[in-house]
C-alpha atoms as a PDB file:
ATOM      1  CA  MET A   1       7.563  -1.870 -26.844  1.00  0.00           C
ATOM      2  CA  ASN A   2       8.902  -0.822 -23.459  1.00  0.00           C
ATOM      3  CA  THR A   3       8.649  -3.289 -20.613  1.00  0.00           C
ATOM      4  CA  LEU A   4       6.614  -2.510 -17.508  1.00  0.00           C
ATOM      5  CA  LYS A   5       8.283  -4.224 -14.490  1.00  0.00           C
ATOM      6  CA  TYR A   6       5.162  -4.213 -12.372  1.00  0.00           C
ATOM      7  CA  LEU A   7       3.252  -6.111 -15.036  1.00  0.00           C
ATOM      8  CA  ALA A   8       5.734  -8.829 -15.556  1.00  0.00           C
ATOM      9  CA  GLY A   9       3.557 -11.512 -13.850  1.00  0.00           C
ATOM     10  CA  TYR A  10       0.445 -10.833 -15.948  1.00  0.00           C
ATOM     11  CA  SER A  11      -0.534 -12.578 -19.106  1.00  0.00           C
ATOM     12  CA  ALA A  12       0.393 -11.304 -22.495  1.00  0.00           C
ATOM     13  CA  ARG A  13      -3.209 -10.425 -23.179  1.00  0.00           C
ATOM     14  CA  VAL A  14      -3.291  -8.032 -20.225  1.00  0.00           C
ATOM     15  CA  THR A  15       0.118  -6.441 -20.981  1.00  0.00           C
ATOM     16  CA  ASP A  16      -0.893  -5.978 -24.602  1.00  0.00           C
ATOM     17  CA  GLN A  17      -4.072  -4.218 -23.460  1.00  0.00           C
ATOM     18  CA  VAL A  18      -2.084  -1.935 -21.145  1.00  0.00           C
ATOM     19  CA  HIS A  19       0.475  -1.189 -23.918  1.00  0.00           C
ATOM     20  CA  ARG A  20      -2.376  -0.223 -26.358  1.00  0.00           C
ATOM     21  CA  LEU A  21      -3.906   2.075 -23.729  1.00  0.00           C
ATOM     22  CA  ILE A  22      -0.502   3.737 -23.184  1.00  0.00           C
ATOM     23  CA  ASP A  23       0.191   4.160 -26.890  1.00  0.00           C
ATOM     24  CA  ASN A  24      -3.241   5.786 -27.350  1.00  0.00           C
ATOM     25  CA  ASP A  25      -2.980   7.923 -24.214  1.00  0.00           C
ATOM     26  CA  LYS A  26      -6.064   6.251 -22.698  1.00  0.00           C
ATOM     27  CA  LEU A  27      -4.611   4.652 -19.607  1.00  0.00           C
ATOM     28  CA  ALA A  28      -5.380   7.543 -17.246  1.00  0.00           C
ATOM     29  CA  GLU A  29      -8.881   7.740 -18.599  1.00  0.00           C
ATOM     30  CA  VAL A  30      -9.587   4.046 -18.081  1.00  0.00           C
ATOM     31  CA  LEU A  31      -8.051   4.100 -14.581  1.00  0.00           C
ATOM     32  CA  LEU A  32     -10.052   7.205 -13.522  1.00  0.00           C
ATOM     33  CA  LYS A  33     -13.163   5.590 -14.809  1.00  0.00           C
ATOM     34  CA  LYS A  34     -12.469   2.434 -12.724  1.00  0.00           C
ATOM     35  CA  TYR A  35     -11.258   4.235  -9.669  1.00  0.00           C
ATOM     36  CA  PRO A  36     -12.897   7.748  -9.692  1.00  0.00           C
ATOM     37  CA  VAL A  37     -12.234   8.653  -6.039  1.00  0.00           C
ATOM     38  CA  SER A  38      -8.735   8.711  -4.710  1.00  0.00           C
ATOM     39  CA  HIS A  39      -8.101   8.340  -0.919  1.00  0.00           C
ATOM     40  CA  ASP A  40      -7.323  11.315   1.202  1.00  0.00           C
ATOM     41  CA  ILE A  41      -4.784   9.752   3.502  1.00  0.00           C
ATOM     42  CA  ARG A  42      -1.698  11.881   3.171  1.00  0.00           C
ATOM     43  CA  THR A  43      -0.439  12.257   6.726  1.00  0.00           C
ATOM     44  CA  ASP A  44       0.510   9.890   9.603  1.00  0.00           C
ATOM     45  CA  LYS A  45      -2.424  11.118  11.608  1.00  0.00           C
ATOM     46  CA  ALA A  46      -4.954  10.302   8.917  1.00  0.00           C
ATOM     47  CA  LEU A  47      -3.246   6.881   8.263  1.00  0.00           C
ATOM     48  CA  TYR A  48      -3.274   6.071  11.931  1.00  0.00           C
ATOM     49  CA  ALA A  49      -7.080   6.899  12.226  1.00  0.00           C
ATOM     50  CA  TYR A  50      -7.799   4.722   9.135  1.00  0.00           C
ATOM     51  CA  VAL A  51      -5.733   1.765  10.449  1.00  0.00           C
ATOM     52  CA  VAL A  52      -7.224   1.988  13.973  1.00  0.00           C
ATOM     53  CA  ASP A  53     -10.772   1.984  12.444  1.00  0.00           C
ATOM     54  CA  MET A  54      -9.938  -1.112  10.431  1.00  0.00           C
ATOM     55  CA  LYS A  55      -8.260  -2.723  13.437  1.00  0.00           C
ATOM     56  CA  ASN A  56     -11.317  -2.069  15.630  1.00  0.00           C
ATOM     57  CA  GLN A  57     -13.701  -3.354  12.983  1.00  0.00           C
ATOM     58  CA  PHE A  58     -11.801  -6.683  12.212  1.00  0.00           C
ATOM     59  CA  LEU A  59      -9.410  -7.310  15.044  1.00  0.00           C
ATOM     60  CA  ARG A  60     -11.175  -6.249  18.173  1.00  0.00           C
ATOM     61  CA  GLN A  61      -9.409  -8.730  20.398  1.00  0.00           C
ATOM     62  CA  SER A  62      -5.904  -7.810  19.350  1.00  0.00           C
ATOM     63  CA  ASN A  63      -3.492  -5.507  21.229  1.00  0.00           C
ATOM     64  CA  PRO A  64      -3.488  -1.737  20.629  1.00  0.00           C
ATOM     65  CA  LEU A  65      -1.383  -0.396  17.867  1.00  0.00           C
ATOM     66  CA  SER A  66       1.826   1.168  18.967  1.00  0.00           C
ATOM     67  CA  LYS A  67       2.800   3.011  15.817  1.00  0.00           C
ATOM     68  CA  VAL A  68       1.561   3.608  12.304  1.00  0.00           C
ATOM     69  CA  VAL A  69       3.695   5.678   9.901  1.00  0.00           C
ATOM     70  CA  TYR A  70       3.069   6.789   6.314  1.00  0.00           C
ATOM     71  CA  ASP A  71       6.324   6.367   4.437  1.00  0.00           C
ATOM     72  CA  ASP A  72       6.296   8.502   1.213  1.00  0.00           C
ATOM     73  CA  LYS A  73       9.875   7.237   0.223  1.00  0.00           C
ATOM     74  CA  ILE A  74       8.789   3.597  -0.351  1.00  0.00           C
ATOM     75  CA  ASP A  75       9.740   2.398  -3.822  1.00  0.00           C
ATOM     76  CA  VAL A  76       6.406   1.409  -5.336  1.00  0.00           C
ATOM     77  CA  LEU A  77       7.942  -1.252  -7.658  1.00  0.00           C
ATOM     78  CA  HIS A  78       9.717  -3.213  -4.800  1.00  0.00           C
ATOM     79  CA  GLN A  79       7.750  -2.416  -1.688  1.00  0.00           C
ATOM     80  CA  ALA A  80       4.245  -1.813  -2.898  1.00  0.00           C
ATOM     81  CA  LEU A  81       2.635  -3.259   0.208  1.00  0.00           C
ATOM     82  CA  GLY A  82       4.778  -1.309   2.589  1.00  0.00           C
ATOM     83  CA  LEU A  83       7.265  -2.296   5.067  1.00  0.00           C
ATOM     84  CA  HIS A  84       6.193  -4.823   7.728  1.00  0.00           C
ATOM     85  CA  SER A  85       8.529  -4.515  10.648  1.00  0.00           C
ATOM     86  CA  PHE A  86       8.465  -4.509  14.386  1.00  0.00           C
ATOM     87  CA  VAL A  87      10.746  -3.641  17.219  1.00  0.00           C
ATOM     88  CA  SER A  88      11.896  -6.282  19.516  1.00  0.00           C
ATOM     89  CA  ARG A  89      12.457  -5.083  23.111  1.00  0.00           C
ATOM     90  CA  GLU A  90      14.030  -7.217  25.812  1.00  0.00           C
ATOM     91  CA  GLN A  91      12.442  -6.787  29.160  1.00  0.00           C
ATOM     92  CA  GLN A  92      14.847  -6.489  32.137  1.00  0.00           C
ATOM     93  CA  ASN A  93      14.145  -8.829  35.006  1.00  0.00           C
ATOM     94  CA  ASN A  94      15.015  -6.887  38.062  1.00  0.00           C
ATOM     95  CA  VAL A  95      15.326  -9.165  41.138  1.00  0.00           C
ATOM     96  CA  PHE A  96      15.948  -7.514  44.472  1.00  0.00           C
END
């Protein structure tokens, strides 16, 4: 039985079910039944619109978003939730 790294934290019961589905070529069928509609977010513009809508719905009081970027090079196994980073800028204090 091959090991699936992304299922390592799940119980043996769940991993056994997944392995049986893989062995019987039924995993795709089960996943499509559970999640029949995939999202259509494939570009930075679409992602930005989606995130701004969510921000406006749940975080009305927060500052505007400066940047949202879809990164298709993220390794799903290690960075499944994306990269959460920010840029720190030092403000100059000009005294005349």
